[in-house]
Structure formats: C-alpha cells, structure tokens
Amino acid sequence: MIVVEGKEDTVAIRRAVDADTIETGGSAIDEKVLRRIELARERRGVIIFTDPDVPGEKIRKIIEARVPGCSHAFLAKADARGKDGIGVEHASPEAIRAALARVRASAGSVSDVDAEAAIAQPAAVPGSGSGAGEPEIAWTDLIDAGLIVHPAAASRRERMGELLGIGYANGKQFYKRLGMFRITRAEFADALRQLTREGVGE
C-alpha cells in the first residue's frame, strides 16, 4: 500500500504501477487516515511516497512517529518539478517506478520482498526487524565527505540522497536517515565516489 498526499498523486502512481494508495489529504492527517495506515502496515506493508518538499517531509515524520517501521520511496526534486510546483503528481511513470524500485526500509520495517508486496499483493504478511543499532556512518564521515560544514553541503547532500535513495534532508536529518535506512559504509563510499566523479560542489 502506497501512502501519498492527494488524488493527483494517486493518479500519477497508477499511471506507473498497479497499486493501492492511501491519501493523507495533506499534512493535517486525521485519526481515521492514521488508523488505515496502521492496518495497512500490519496486513500488507506500507510505502510512504510524499512530495520532496517541506510539507511532504512533515507528513513522512507524522506517519513514521505514529506507524513506525514503514518503508520509504523518495523522488528527486528534479523528477517532481512541474509548472505549478513540486509533487509526485508531476513525476513521469518512469521516475515513479525508479523511486519504487529503490524503496528503503527503515529500522523495524518490512523487508525488501515485503516492500514489493506492499505494491502488488493484497495480503502479504509484513516482517519485523530489530532496531537500527549503532549507525555505521559517523558524524565525522559527513564532515569529511563535505555533506556538512562545507560551502556546497546542501547540493552535495541532495545528490548523495538521490544516489543512496534516501531523499534530501538537512545535515541532522540526513545523518538520522543514514542510520534509519541502515546505509552501509560500502554504500556510502560508492555514492561518495560517484559524487566525486560528478564534481558536485567541488
């Protein structure tokens, strides 16, 4: 089950994949919607797929706080840009499928196989993982990589978020996501090498 913000997002998702959605109706999510998301998480698994902007992040945080262990799909801002703003509804079917192919499970969420089931199968049984434990990536690794305390840190984090499939975030949230999505040192190093090859923020 894919959680989106509104009806136009549902239309865009269904152009890309055969999936059921739950619409939050914006960032003022009511209790009924949160209960539906809880039920979907228990029975099928949930992928949160909100807009890559501040309200989308707020919705993501509200749901994760109330329904821990959801999986997350992220669109790059460039893929979500339209005439009247940024949103899932503006993304091409290819960009949506690519984002769903890179779904990230947060600590304690369903597995990758179950994430696929959340899209396609009506009665998948979600698993449950253990806590995230200690993060593999240290705060000093972010400094060394120029992702914080660097003149181009924001643009470097944006590209690293795209490469890692965890979306854009400020420094503290980016660090939190690295642990939340269990990014390994190898994944981090591969993305950093690609960032360096591209010369982002050099």
C-alpha atoms as a PDB file:
ATOM      1  CA  MET A   1       0.000   0.000   0.000  1.00  0.00           C
ATOM      2  CA  ILE A   2       1.451   3.363  -1.018  1.00  0.00           C
ATOM      3  CA  VAL A   3       0.738   6.449   1.100  1.00  0.00           C
ATOM      4  CA  VAL A   4       0.515   9.644  -0.957  1.00  0.00           C
ATOM      5  CA  GLU A   5      -0.704  13.171  -0.268  1.00  0.00           C
ATOM      6  CA  GLY A   6      -3.641  13.565  -2.641  1.00  0.00           C
ATOM      7  CA  LYS A   7      -5.800  12.342  -5.522  1.00  0.00           C
ATOM      8  CA  GLU A   8      -3.486  13.654  -8.242  1.00  0.00           C
ATOM      9  CA  ASP A   9      -0.639  11.674  -6.662  1.00  0.00           C
ATOM     10  CA  THR A  10      -2.794   8.532  -6.789  1.00  0.00           C
ATOM     11  CA  VAL A  11      -3.435   9.145 -10.489  1.00  0.00           C
ATOM     12  CA  ALA A  12       0.315   9.524 -11.134  1.00  0.00           C
ATOM     13  CA  ILE A  13       1.130   6.356  -9.147  1.00  0.00           C
ATOM     14  CA  ARG A  14      -1.481   4.344 -11.059  1.00  0.00           C
ATOM     15  CA  ARG A  15      -0.064   5.529 -14.390  1.00  0.00           C
ATOM     16  CA  ALA A  16       3.217   3.964 -13.304  1.00  0.00           C
ATOM     17  CA  VAL A  17       2.260   0.824 -11.342  1.00  0.00           C
ATOM     18  CA  ASP A  18      -0.770  -1.230 -10.361  1.00  0.00           C
ATOM     19  CA  ALA A  19      -1.026  -0.260  -6.692  1.00  0.00           C
ATOM     20  CA  ASP A  20      -3.478   0.706  -3.997  1.00  0.00           C
ATOM     21  CA  THR A  21      -2.973   4.043  -2.254  1.00  0.00           C
ATOM     22  CA  ILE A  22      -3.983   5.824   0.912  1.00  0.00           C
ATOM     23  CA  GLU A  23      -4.276   9.600   0.570  1.00  0.00           C
ATOM     24  CA  THR A  24      -3.384  11.739   3.580  1.00  0.00           C
ATOM     25  CA  GLY A  25      -5.193  14.824   2.306  1.00  0.00           C
ATOM     26  CA  GLY A  26      -2.196  17.000   3.134  1.00  0.00           C
ATOM     27  CA  SER A  27      -0.236  17.453   6.341  1.00  0.00           C
ATOM     28  CA  ALA A  28      -3.284  17.697   8.631  1.00  0.00           C
ATOM     29  CA  ILE A  29      -3.667  13.913   8.759  1.00  0.00           C
ATOM     30  CA  ASP A  30      -6.765  12.866  10.660  1.00  0.00           C
ATOM     31  CA  GLU A  31      -7.080   9.903  13.019  1.00  0.00           C
ATOM     32  CA  LYS A  32      -9.056   7.776  10.525  1.00  0.00           C
ATOM     33  CA  VAL A  33      -6.275   8.007   7.947  1.00  0.00           C
ATOM     34  CA  LEU A  34      -3.612   7.112  10.528  1.00  0.00           C
ATOM     35  CA  ARG A  35      -5.655   4.058  11.584  1.00  0.00           C
ATOM     36  CA  ARG A  36      -5.942   2.960   7.926  1.00  0.00           C
ATOM     37  CA  ILE A  37      -2.171   3.288   7.549  1.00  0.00           C
ATOM     38  CA  GLU A  38      -1.651   1.236  10.749  1.00  0.00           C
ATOM     39  CA  LEU A  39      -3.929  -1.508   9.435  1.00  0.00           C
ATOM     40  CA  ALA A  40      -2.219  -1.497   6.035  1.00  0.00           C
ATOM     41  CA  ARG A  41       1.197  -1.710   7.734  1.00  0.00           C
ATOM     42  CA  GLU A  42       0.081  -4.757   9.759  1.00  0.00           C
ATOM     43  CA  ARG A  43      -1.544  -6.591   6.849  1.00  0.00           C
ATOM     44  CA  ARG A  44       0.341  -5.607   3.706  1.00  0.00           C
ATOM     45  CA  GLY A  45       3.215  -3.254   4.411  1.00  0.00           C
ATOM     46  CA  VAL A  46       3.307   0.463   3.676  1.00  0.00           C
ATOM     47  CA  ILE A  47       5.471   2.636   1.448  1.00  0.00           C
ATOM     48  CA  ILE A  48       5.408   6.347   2.258  1.00  0.00           C
ATOM     49  CA  PHE A  49       5.786   8.292  -1.002  1.00  0.00           C
ATOM     50  CA  THR A  50       5.305  12.011  -0.333  1.00  0.00           C
ATOM     51  CA  ASP A  51       6.413  15.107  -2.210  1.00  0.00           C
ATOM     52  CA  PRO A  52      10.108  16.073  -1.916  1.00  0.00           C
ATOM     53  CA  ASP A  53       9.348  19.311  -0.065  1.00  0.00           C
ATOM     54  CA  VAL A  54       8.850  20.574   3.497  1.00  0.00           C
ATOM     55  CA  PRO A  55       5.149  19.571   3.801  1.00  0.00           C
ATOM     56  CA  GLY A  56       5.985  16.130   2.362  1.00  0.00           C
ATOM     57  CA  GLU A  57       8.707  15.665   4.973  1.00  0.00           C
ATOM     58  CA  LYS A  58       6.302  16.751   7.714  1.00  0.00           C
ATOM     59  CA  ILE A  59       3.786  14.112   6.595  1.00  0.00           C
ATOM     60  CA  ARG A  60       6.529  11.468   6.458  1.00  0.00           C
ATOM     61  CA  LYS A  61       7.571  12.302  10.059  1.00  0.00           C
ATOM     62  CA  ILE A  62       3.986  12.268  11.366  1.00  0.00           C
ATOM     63  CA  ILE A  63       3.336   8.831   9.861  1.00  0.00           C
ATOM     64  CA  GLU A  64       6.684   7.360  10.942  1.00  0.00           C
ATOM     65  CA  ALA A  65       6.102   8.584  14.518  1.00  0.00           C
ATOM     66  CA  ARG A  66       2.627   7.038  14.659  1.00  0.00           C
ATOM     67  CA  VAL A  67       3.248   3.966  12.473  1.00  0.00           C
ATOM     68  CA  PRO A  68       6.913   3.042  12.904  1.00  0.00           C
ATOM     69  CA  GLY A  69       8.562   0.654  10.506  1.00  0.00           C
ATOM     70  CA  CYS A  70       7.116   1.875   7.214  1.00  0.00           C
ATOM     71  CA  SER A  71       9.201   1.752   4.056  1.00  0.00           C
ATOM     72  CA  HIS A  72      10.020   4.933   2.146  1.00  0.00           C
ATOM     73  CA  ALA A  73      10.268   5.932  -1.510  1.00  0.00           C
ATOM     74  CA  PHE A  74      11.894   9.227  -2.482  1.00  0.00           C
ATOM     75  CA  LEU A  75      11.702  11.298  -5.677  1.00  0.00           C
ATOM     76  CA  ALA A  76      14.436  13.724  -6.641  1.00  0.00           C
ATOM     77  CA  LYS A  77      13.152  17.310  -6.796  1.00  0.00           C
ATOM     78  CA  ALA A  78      14.133  17.461 -10.468  1.00  0.00           C
ATOM     79  CA  ASP A  79      11.840  14.487 -11.204  1.00  0.00           C
ATOM     80  CA  ALA A  80       8.927  16.043  -9.288  1.00  0.00           C
ATOM     81  CA  ARG A  81       9.038  19.573 -10.709  1.00  0.00           C
ATOM     82  CA  GLY A  82       6.003  20.824 -12.607  1.00  0.00           C
ATOM     83  CA  LYS A  83       4.592  24.142 -13.810  1.00  0.00           C
ATOM     84  CA  ASP A  84       2.874  24.806 -10.502  1.00  0.00           C
ATOM     85  CA  GLY A  85       5.389  23.390  -8.023  1.00  0.00           C
ATOM     86  CA  ILE A  86       6.959  20.174  -6.823  1.00  0.00           C
ATOM     87  CA  GLY A  87       4.999  16.986  -6.282  1.00  0.00           C
ATOM     88  CA  VAL A  88       4.599  13.298  -7.002  1.00  0.00           C
ATOM     89  CA  GLU A  89       1.764  14.229  -9.377  1.00  0.00           C
ATOM     90  CA  HIS A  90       4.294  15.844 -11.758  1.00  0.00           C
ATOM     91  CA  ALA A  91       6.636  12.842 -11.936  1.00  0.00           C
ATOM     92  CA  SER A  92       6.814  10.656 -15.011  1.00  0.00           C
ATOM     93  CA  PRO A  93       5.813   6.981 -14.734  1.00  0.00           C
ATOM     94  CA  GLU A  94       9.491   6.081 -15.247  1.00  0.00           C
ATOM     95  CA  ALA A  95      10.622   8.304 -12.348  1.00  0.00           C
ATOM     96  CA  ILE A  96       7.932   6.823 -10.087  1.00  0.00           C
ATOM     97  CA  ARG A  97       8.889   3.263 -10.994  1.00  0.00           C
ATOM     98  CA  ALA A  98      12.573   4.084 -10.394  1.00  0.00           C
ATOM     99  CA  ALA A  99      11.777   5.542  -6.954  1.00  0.00           C
ATOM    100  CA  LEU A 100       9.675   2.497  -6.038  1.00  0.00           C
ATOM    101  CA  ALA A 101      12.460   0.191  -7.212  1.00  0.00           C
ATOM    102  CA  ARG A 102      14.733   1.879  -4.643  1.00  0.00           C
ATOM    103  CA  VAL A 103      12.373   1.665  -1.664  1.00  0.00           C
ATOM    104  CA  ARG A 104      14.233   1.930   1.627  1.00  0.00           C
ATOM    105  CA  ALA A 105      13.086   0.057   4.689  1.00  0.00           C
ATOM    106  CA  SER A 106      13.510   1.916   7.954  1.00  0.00           C
ATOM    107  CA  ALA A 107      14.663   0.126  11.089  1.00  0.00           C
ATOM    108  CA  GLY A 108      11.996  -2.364  12.097  1.00  0.00           C
ATOM    109  CA  SER A 109      10.117  -2.156   8.798  1.00  0.00           C
ATOM    110  CA  VAL A 110       9.142  -4.759   6.276  1.00  0.00           C
ATOM    111  CA  SER A 111      11.825  -6.409   4.190  1.00  0.00           C
ATOM    112  CA  ASP A 112      12.531  -5.578   0.539  1.00  0.00           C
ATOM    113  CA  VAL A 113      10.422  -8.568  -0.533  1.00  0.00           C
ATOM    114  CA  ASP A 114       7.559  -7.317   1.624  1.00  0.00           C
ATOM    115  CA  ALA A 115       8.011  -3.819   0.184  1.00  0.00           C
ATOM    116  CA  GLU A 116       7.310  -5.316  -3.256  1.00  0.00           C
ATOM    117  CA  ALA A 117       4.252  -6.996  -1.762  1.00  0.00           C
ATOM    118  CA  ALA A 118       3.056  -3.657  -0.418  1.00  0.00           C
ATOM    119  CA  ILE A 119       2.780  -2.538  -4.036  1.00  0.00           C
ATOM    120  CA  ALA A 120       1.489  -5.655  -5.758  1.00  0.00           C
ATOM    121  CA  GLN A 121      -0.020  -8.254  -3.439  1.00  0.00           C
ATOM    122  CA  PRO A 122      -3.209  -7.720  -1.465  1.00  0.00           C
ATOM    123  CA  ALA A 123      -2.433  -9.984   1.509  1.00  0.00           C
ATOM    124  CA  ALA A 124       1.299 -10.034   2.191  1.00  0.00           C
ATOM    125  CA  VAL A 125       2.405 -10.606   5.757  1.00  0.00           C
ATOM    126  CA  PRO A 126       4.943  -7.965   6.847  1.00  0.00           C
ATOM    127  CA  GLY A 127       8.060  -8.958   8.771  1.00  0.00           C
ATOM    128  CA  SER A 128       9.543  -7.133  11.669  1.00  0.00           C
ATOM    129  CA  GLY A 129      13.213  -6.310  12.059  1.00  0.00           C
ATOM    130  CA  SER A 130      15.248  -5.394  15.059  1.00  0.00           C
ATOM    131  CA  GLY A 131      16.310  -1.867  15.918  1.00  0.00           C
ATOM    132  CA  ALA A 132      18.806   0.040  13.820  1.00  0.00           C
ATOM    133  CA  GLY A 133      21.603  -0.268  16.399  1.00  0.00           C
ATOM    134  CA  GLU A 134      24.651   1.942  16.120  1.00  0.00           C
ATOM    135  CA  PRO A 135      24.919   3.832  12.829  1.00  0.00           C
ATOM    136  CA  GLU A 136      27.688   2.662  10.525  1.00  0.00           C
ATOM    137  CA  ILE A 137      28.318   6.211   9.294  1.00  0.00           C
ATOM    138  CA  ALA A 138      29.738   8.639  11.858  1.00  0.00           C
ATOM    139  CA  TRP A 139      29.084  12.391  12.046  1.00  0.00           C
ATOM    140  CA  THR A 140      32.765  12.920  11.185  1.00  0.00           C
ATOM    141  CA  ASP A 141      32.231  10.916   7.970  1.00  0.00           C
ATOM    142  CA  LEU A 142      29.680  13.539   6.908  1.00  0.00           C
ATOM    143  CA  ILE A 143      32.163  16.325   7.637  1.00  0.00           C
ATOM    144  CA  ASP A 144      34.928  14.518   5.714  1.00  0.00           C
ATOM    145  CA  ALA A 145      32.558  13.955   2.770  1.00  0.00           C
ATOM    146  CA  GLY A 146      31.607  17.651   2.622  1.00  0.00           C
ATOM    147  CA  LEU A 147      27.981  16.882   3.466  1.00  0.00           C
ATOM    148  CA  ILE A 148      28.000  19.275   6.421  1.00  0.00           C
ATOM    149  CA  VAL A 149      30.215  22.285   7.299  1.00  0.00           C
ATOM    150  CA  HIS A 150      31.055  22.792   3.605  1.00  0.00           C
ATOM    151  CA  PRO A 151      30.113  25.689   1.310  1.00  0.00           C
ATOM    152  CA  ALA A 152      28.268  23.307  -1.046  1.00  0.00           C
ATOM    153  CA  ALA A 153      26.987  20.897   1.635  1.00  0.00           C
ATOM    154  CA  ALA A 154      23.308  21.281   0.668  1.00  0.00           C
ATOM    155  CA  SER A 155      23.854  20.448  -3.002  1.00  0.00           C
ATOM    156  CA  ARG A 156      26.190  17.582  -2.074  1.00  0.00           C
ATOM    157  CA  ARG A 157      23.587  16.136   0.360  1.00  0.00           C
ATOM    158  CA  GLU A 158      20.874  16.483  -2.251  1.00  0.00           C
ATOM    159  CA  ARG A 159      22.870  14.430  -4.774  1.00  0.00           C
ATOM    160  CA  MET A 160      24.012  11.896  -2.139  1.00  0.00           C
ATOM    161  CA  GLY A 161      20.381  11.478  -1.096  1.00  0.00           C
ATOM    162  CA  GLU A 162      19.479  10.724  -4.711  1.00  0.00           C
ATOM    163  CA  LEU A 163      22.367   8.276  -5.103  1.00  0.00           C
ATOM    164  CA  LEU A 164      21.511   6.470  -1.853  1.00  0.00           C
ATOM    165  CA  GLY A 165      17.750   6.585  -2.450  1.00  0.00           C
ATOM    166  CA  ILE A 166      17.007   8.358   0.859  1.00  0.00           C
ATOM    167  CA  GLY A 167      15.988  11.800  -0.427  1.00  0.00           C
ATOM    168  CA  TYR A 168      17.194  15.272   0.526  1.00  0.00           C
ATOM    169  CA  ALA A 169      17.444  16.352   4.158  1.00  0.00           C
ATOM    170  CA  ASN A 170      19.306  18.875   6.290  1.00  0.00           C
ATOM    171  CA  GLY A 171      22.511  17.692   7.993  1.00  0.00           C
ATOM    172  CA  LYS A 172      20.960  16.262  11.168  1.00  0.00           C
ATOM    173  CA  GLN A 173      18.090  14.570   9.317  1.00  0.00           C
ATOM    174  CA  PHE A 174      20.488  13.186   6.688  1.00  0.00           C
ATOM    175  CA  TYR A 175      22.607  11.646   9.457  1.00  0.00           C
ATOM    176  CA  LYS A 176      19.470  10.195  11.059  1.00  0.00           C
ATOM    177  CA  ARG A 177      18.318   8.717   7.737  1.00  0.00           C
ATOM    178  CA  LEU A 178      21.664   7.019   7.185  1.00  0.00           C
ATOM    179  CA  GLY A 179      21.028   5.039  10.370  1.00  0.00           C
ATOM    180  CA  MET A 180      17.282   4.709   9.876  1.00  0.00           C
ATOM    181  CA  PHE A 181      17.721   3.121   6.445  1.00  0.00           C
ATOM    182  CA  ARG A 182      20.796   1.135   7.523  1.00  0.00           C
ATOM    183  CA  ILE A 183      23.102   2.621   4.904  1.00  0.00           C
ATOM    184  CA  THR A 184      26.326   0.624   4.973  1.00  0.00           C
ATOM    185  CA  ARG A 185      29.825   2.063   4.789  1.00  0.00           C
ATOM    186  CA  ALA A 186      30.204   0.390   1.371  1.00  0.00           C
ATOM    187  CA  GLU A 187      27.025   2.033   0.020  1.00  0.00           C
ATOM    188  CA  PHE A 188      28.127   5.384   1.428  1.00  0.00           C
ATOM    189  CA  ALA A 189      31.611   5.041  -0.096  1.00  0.00           C
ATOM    190  CA  ASP A 190      30.202   4.049  -3.525  1.00  0.00           C
ATOM    191  CA  ALA A 191      27.847   7.041  -3.548  1.00  0.00           C
ATOM    192  CA  LEU A 192      30.637   9.360  -2.424  1.00  0.00           C
ATOM    193  CA  ARG A 193      32.889   8.119  -5.248  1.00  0.00           C
ATOM    194  CA  GLN A 194      30.090   8.842  -7.749  1.00  0.00           C
ATOM    195  CA  LEU A 195      29.574  12.291  -6.194  1.00  0.00           C
ATOM    196  CA  THR A 196      33.304  12.986  -6.607  1.00  0.00           C
ATOM    197  CA  ARG A 197      33.284  11.753 -10.232  1.00  0.00           C
ATOM    198  CA  GLU A 198      30.393  14.122 -10.957  1.00  0.00           C
ATOM    199  CA  GLY A 199      32.243  17.013  -9.289  1.00  0.00           C
ATOM    200  CA  VAL A 200      29.209  18.113  -7.262  1.00  0.00           C
ATOM    201  CA  GLY A 201      30.121  21.087  -5.080  1.00  0.00           C
ATOM    202  CA  GLU A 202      33.848  20.873  -5.859  1.00  0.00           C
END
